[in-house]
């Protein structure tokens, strides 16, 4: 039993959190037979949750979603109040500008090309006459309407 809990520790260190959780579930009913087995399993579950939370928080931070990253780091600190990585990241996020307050850097616009003066340059092209593409109602056919009459005639 202790060997299986050691295997769970190895899986956690390898980053295979799904398999580590499966192993914990498989030995859960036997934990009472090992001294400190239940407390060790609880610590392993907490460690898995913290490491997953840190992964998620890093992904949010890298994607630029500072609000979600801050929440994820706070969730990590709720599980492990002494987590140095979460504390440092939270301080870093709070020190920088928030997503809505980001400093906008304007790119310089290219200068507009000068327009030719009247009478210079290319002659003005004649506008082609286009057929009227507007929607037109069909002509009224009083004898064969598919609609019921709305008023008496």
C-alpha atoms as a PDB file:
ATOM      1  CA  UNK A   1       0.000   0.000   0.000  1.00  0.00           C
ATOM      2  CA  UNK A   2       2.790   2.435   0.888  1.00  0.00           C
ATOM      3  CA  UNK A   3       4.443   1.550  -2.426  1.00  0.00           C
ATOM      4  CA  UNK A   4       1.305   2.588  -4.305  1.00  0.00           C
ATOM      5  CA  UNK A   5       1.266   5.921  -2.480  1.00  0.00           C
ATOM      6  CA  UNK A   6       4.930   6.344  -3.460  1.00  0.00           C
ATOM      7  CA  UNK A   7       3.871   5.639  -7.043  1.00  0.00           C
ATOM      8  CA  UNK A   8       1.259   8.407  -6.748  1.00  0.00           C
ATOM      9  CA  UNK A   9       4.034  10.776  -5.598  1.00  0.00           C
ATOM     10  CA  UNK A  10       6.112   9.812  -8.649  1.00  0.00           C
ATOM     11  CA  UNK A  11       3.154  10.420 -10.971  1.00  0.00           C
ATOM     12  CA  UNK A  12       2.613  13.849  -9.421  1.00  0.00           C
ATOM     13  CA  UNK A  13       6.277  14.734  -9.955  1.00  0.00           C
ATOM     14  CA  UNK A  14       5.998  13.603 -13.586  1.00  0.00           C
ATOM     15  CA  UNK A  15       2.962  15.860 -14.050  1.00  0.00           C
ATOM     16  CA  UNK A  16       0.590  12.965 -14.796  1.00  0.00           C
ATOM     17  CA  UNK A  17      -2.168  14.245 -12.539  1.00  0.00           C
ATOM     18  CA  UNK A  18      -4.969  12.225 -14.098  1.00  0.00           C
ATOM     19  CA  UNK A  19      -3.207   8.925 -13.532  1.00  0.00           C
ATOM     20  CA  UNK A  20      -2.210  10.003 -10.017  1.00  0.00           C
ATOM     21  CA  UNK A  21      -5.871  10.661  -9.176  1.00  0.00           C
ATOM     22  CA  UNK A  22      -6.857   7.284 -10.600  1.00  0.00           C
ATOM     23  CA  UNK A  23      -4.285   5.546  -8.403  1.00  0.00           C
ATOM     24  CA  UNK A  24      -5.541   7.416  -5.338  1.00  0.00           C
ATOM     25  CA  UNK A  25      -9.107   6.333  -6.088  1.00  0.00           C
ATOM     26  CA  UNK A  26      -7.970   2.725  -6.520  1.00  0.00           C
ATOM     27  CA  UNK A  27      -6.334   2.597  -3.064  1.00  0.00           C
ATOM     28  CA  UNK A  28      -8.800   4.817  -1.215  1.00  0.00           C
ATOM     29  CA  UNK A  29     -10.602   1.902   0.472  1.00  0.00           C
ATOM     30  CA  UNK A  30      -7.281   0.524   1.810  1.00  0.00           C
ATOM     31  CA  UNK A  31      -5.823   3.743   3.180  1.00  0.00           C
ATOM     32  CA  UNK A  32      -6.828   2.945   6.742  1.00  0.00           C
ATOM     33  CA  UNK A  33      -4.432  -0.034   6.758  1.00  0.00           C
ATOM     34  CA  UNK A  34      -1.363   2.180   6.279  1.00  0.00           C
ATOM     35  CA  UNK A  35      -0.182   4.437   9.108  1.00  0.00           C
ATOM     36  CA  UNK A  36      -0.967   8.035   8.101  1.00  0.00           C
ATOM     37  CA  UNK A  37      -2.320   6.719   4.802  1.00  0.00           C
ATOM     38  CA  UNK A  38      -5.438   8.882   4.794  1.00  0.00           C
ATOM     39  CA  UNK A  39      -3.571  12.075   5.661  1.00  0.00           C
ATOM     40  CA  UNK A  40      -0.900  11.295   3.064  1.00  0.00           C
ATOM     41  CA  UNK A  41      -3.559  10.741   0.397  1.00  0.00           C
ATOM     42  CA  UNK A  42      -5.266  14.018   1.347  1.00  0.00           C
ATOM     43  CA  UNK A  43      -1.958  15.846   1.038  1.00  0.00           C
ATOM     44  CA  UNK A  44      -1.393  14.271  -2.375  1.00  0.00           C
ATOM     45  CA  UNK A  45      -4.865  15.313  -3.549  1.00  0.00           C
ATOM     46  CA  UNK A  46      -4.220  18.870  -2.372  1.00  0.00           C
ATOM     47  CA  UNK A  47      -0.844  18.901  -4.127  1.00  0.00           C
ATOM     48  CA  UNK A  48      -2.488  17.750  -7.385  1.00  0.00           C
ATOM     49  CA  UNK A  49      -5.107  20.490  -7.101  1.00  0.00           C
ATOM     50  CA  UNK A  50      -2.449  23.141  -6.418  1.00  0.00           C
ATOM     51  CA  UNK A  51      -0.286  22.065  -9.364  1.00  0.00           C
ATOM     52  CA  UNK A  52      -3.265  21.968 -11.741  1.00  0.00           C
ATOM     53  CA  UNK A  53      -4.338  25.387 -10.481  1.00  0.00           C
ATOM     54  CA  UNK A  54      -0.853  26.764 -11.121  1.00  0.00           C
ATOM     55  CA  UNK A  55      -0.888  25.363 -14.664  1.00  0.00           C
ATOM     56  CA  UNK A  56      -4.238  26.970 -15.379  1.00  0.00           C
ATOM     57  CA  UNK A  57      -3.158  30.288 -13.872  1.00  0.00           C
ATOM     58  CA  UNK A  58       0.038  30.317 -15.956  1.00  0.00           C
ATOM     59  CA  UNK A  59      -1.978  29.636 -19.111  1.00  0.00           C
ATOM     60  CA  UNK A  60      -4.348  32.517 -18.338  1.00  0.00           C
ATOM     61  CA  UNK A  61      -1.429  34.823 -17.612  1.00  0.00           C
ATOM     62  CA  UNK A  62       0.369  33.873 -20.829  1.00  0.00           C
ATOM     63  CA  UNK A  63      -2.846  34.426 -22.785  1.00  0.00           C
ATOM     64  CA  UNK A  64      -3.085  37.924 -21.292  1.00  0.00           C
ATOM     65  CA  UNK A  65      -6.235  37.284 -19.239  1.00  0.00           C
ATOM     66  CA  UNK A  66      -5.007  38.943 -16.059  1.00  0.00           C
ATOM     67  CA  UNK A  67      -8.359  38.774 -14.274  1.00  0.00           C
ATOM     68  CA  UNK A  68      -8.719  35.009 -14.712  1.00  0.00           C
ATOM     69  CA  UNK A  69      -5.055  34.471 -13.851  1.00  0.00           C
ATOM     70  CA  UNK A  70      -5.444  36.484 -10.655  1.00  0.00           C
ATOM     71  CA  UNK A  71      -8.488  34.427  -9.642  1.00  0.00           C
ATOM     72  CA  UNK A  72      -6.680  31.159 -10.393  1.00  0.00           C
ATOM     73  CA  UNK A  73      -3.660  32.209  -8.318  1.00  0.00           C
ATOM     74  CA  UNK A  74      -5.989  33.180  -5.457  1.00  0.00           C
ATOM     75  CA  UNK A  75      -7.606  29.727  -5.699  1.00  0.00           C
ATOM     76  CA  UNK A  76      -4.145  28.170  -5.414  1.00  0.00           C
ATOM     77  CA  UNK A  77      -3.415  30.283  -2.336  1.00  0.00           C
ATOM     78  CA  UNK A  78      -6.716  29.157  -0.807  1.00  0.00           C
ATOM     79  CA  UNK A  79      -5.430  25.576  -1.053  1.00  0.00           C
ATOM     80  CA  UNK A  80      -1.814  26.341  -0.166  1.00  0.00           C
ATOM     81  CA  UNK A  81      -1.411  29.707   1.523  1.00  0.00           C
ATOM     82  CA  UNK A  82       2.374  29.487   1.488  1.00  0.00           C
ATOM     83  CA  UNK A  83       2.790  28.773  -2.224  1.00  0.00           C
ATOM     84  CA  UNK A  84       5.651  31.066  -3.262  1.00  0.00           C
ATOM     85  CA  UNK A  85       4.942  30.885  -6.999  1.00  0.00           C
ATOM     86  CA  UNK A  86       1.314  31.919  -6.582  1.00  0.00           C
ATOM     87  CA  UNK A  87       2.243  34.762  -4.212  1.00  0.00           C
ATOM     88  CA  UNK A  88       4.915  36.107  -6.575  1.00  0.00           C
ATOM     89  CA  UNK A  89       2.657  35.838  -9.610  1.00  0.00           C
ATOM     90  CA  UNK A  90      -0.197  37.563  -7.807  1.00  0.00           C
ATOM     91  CA  UNK A  91       2.108  40.427  -6.812  1.00  0.00           C
ATOM     92  CA  UNK A  92       3.368  40.664 -10.399  1.00  0.00           C
ATOM     93  CA  UNK A  93      -0.178  40.791 -11.809  1.00  0.00           C
ATOM     94  CA  UNK A  94      -1.344  43.381  -9.286  1.00  0.00           C
ATOM     95  CA  UNK A  95       1.700  45.586  -9.928  1.00  0.00           C
ATOM     96  CA  UNK A  96       1.106  45.683 -13.700  1.00  0.00           C
ATOM     97  CA  UNK A  97      -1.766  47.416 -15.484  1.00  0.00           C
ATOM     98  CA  UNK A  98      -5.064  45.559 -15.530  1.00  0.00           C
ATOM     99  CA  UNK A  99      -6.533  44.320 -18.815  1.00  0.00           C
ATOM    100  CA  UNK A 100      -8.904  47.275 -19.157  1.00  0.00           C
ATOM    101  CA  UNK A 101      -6.257  49.779 -18.113  1.00  0.00           C
ATOM    102  CA  UNK A 102      -3.566  48.645 -20.527  1.00  0.00           C
ATOM    103  CA  UNK A 103      -1.532  51.448 -21.976  1.00  0.00           C
ATOM    104  CA  UNK A 104      -2.473  51.907 -25.589  1.00  0.00           C
ATOM    105  CA  UNK A 105       0.471  52.460 -27.875  1.00  0.00           C
ATOM    106  CA  UNK A 106      -0.575  54.142 -31.072  1.00  0.00           C
ATOM    107  CA  UNK A 107       1.323  53.289 -34.203  1.00  0.00           C
ATOM    108  CA  UNK A 108       2.285  56.235 -36.378  1.00  0.00           C
ATOM    109  CA  UNK A 109      -0.052  56.657 -39.302  1.00  0.00           C
ATOM    110  CA  UNK A 110       1.351  56.972 -42.800  1.00  0.00           C
ATOM    111  CA  UNK A 111       1.116  60.424 -44.282  1.00  0.00           C
ATOM    112  CA  UNK A 112      -1.767  60.987 -46.660  1.00  0.00           C
ATOM    113  CA  UNK A 113      -0.929  61.336 -50.330  1.00  0.00           C
ATOM    114  CA  UNK A 114      -1.572  64.824 -51.676  1.00  0.00           C
ATOM    115  CA  UNK A 115      -4.672  65.134 -53.809  1.00  0.00           C
ATOM    116  CA  UNK A 116      -4.335  66.584 -57.275  1.00  0.00           C
ATOM    117  CA  UNK A 117      -5.644  70.092 -57.687  1.00  0.00           C
ATOM    118  CA  UNK A 118      -8.717  70.693 -59.798  1.00  0.00           C
ATOM    119  CA  UNK A 119      -7.943  70.168 -63.450  1.00  0.00           C
ATOM    120  CA  UNK A 120      -4.733  68.227 -62.784  1.00  0.00           C
ATOM    121  CA  UNK A 121      -4.162  64.541 -62.938  1.00  0.00           C
ATOM    122  CA  UNK A 122      -6.433  61.975 -64.520  1.00  0.00           C
ATOM    123  CA  UNK A 123      -9.686  63.066 -66.081  1.00  0.00           C
ATOM    124  CA  UNK A 124     -12.732  62.240 -64.027  1.00  0.00           C
ATOM    125  CA  UNK A 125     -14.299  58.981 -65.147  1.00  0.00           C
ATOM    126  CA  UNK A 126     -17.926  59.086 -66.106  1.00  0.00           C
ATOM    127  CA  UNK A 127     -20.171  57.250 -63.727  1.00  0.00           C
ATOM    128  CA  UNK A 128     -21.701  54.242 -65.400  1.00  0.00           C
ATOM    129  CA  UNK A 129     -25.421  54.104 -65.308  1.00  0.00           C
ATOM    130  CA  UNK A 130     -26.471  51.040 -63.375  1.00  0.00           C
ATOM    131  CA  UNK A 131     -29.881  49.456 -63.475  1.00  0.00           C
ATOM    132  CA  UNK A 132     -32.034  50.168 -60.428  1.00  0.00           C
ATOM    133  CA  UNK A 133     -31.320  47.238 -58.093  1.00  0.00           C
ATOM    134  CA  UNK A 134     -33.769  48.305 -55.429  1.00  0.00           C
ATOM    135  CA  UNK A 135     -36.501  45.894 -54.427  1.00  0.00           C
ATOM    136  CA  UNK A 136     -39.781  46.532 -56.147  1.00  0.00           C
ATOM    137  CA  UNK A 137     -43.130  45.165 -55.132  1.00  0.00           C
ATOM    138  CA  UNK A 138     -44.887  43.080 -57.777  1.00  0.00           C
ATOM    139  CA  UNK A 139     -47.863  44.605 -59.518  1.00  0.00           C
ATOM    140  CA  UNK A 140     -51.106  44.248 -57.619  1.00  0.00           C
ATOM    141  CA  UNK A 141     -53.325  41.475 -58.926  1.00  0.00           C
ATOM    142  CA  UNK A 142     -56.710  42.057 -57.374  1.00  0.00           C
ATOM    143  CA  UNK A 143     -58.349  38.780 -58.363  1.00  0.00           C
ATOM    144  CA  UNK A 144     -55.972  36.079 -57.125  1.00  0.00           C
ATOM    145  CA  UNK A 145     -54.702  36.948 -53.662  1.00  0.00           C
ATOM    146  CA  UNK A 146     -53.602  34.169 -51.338  1.00  0.00           C
ATOM    147  CA  UNK A 147     -54.330  36.333 -48.311  1.00  0.00           C
ATOM    148  CA  UNK A 148     -57.681  36.686 -46.605  1.00  0.00           C
ATOM    149  CA  UNK A 149     -59.367  40.022 -47.090  1.00  0.00           C
ATOM    150  CA  UNK A 150     -58.922  42.395 -44.175  1.00  0.00           C
ATOM    151  CA  UNK A 151     -61.748  44.785 -44.902  1.00  0.00           C
ATOM    152  CA  UNK A 152     -65.104  44.674 -46.616  1.00  0.00           C
ATOM    153  CA  UNK A 153     -65.259  46.053 -50.117  1.00  0.00           C
END
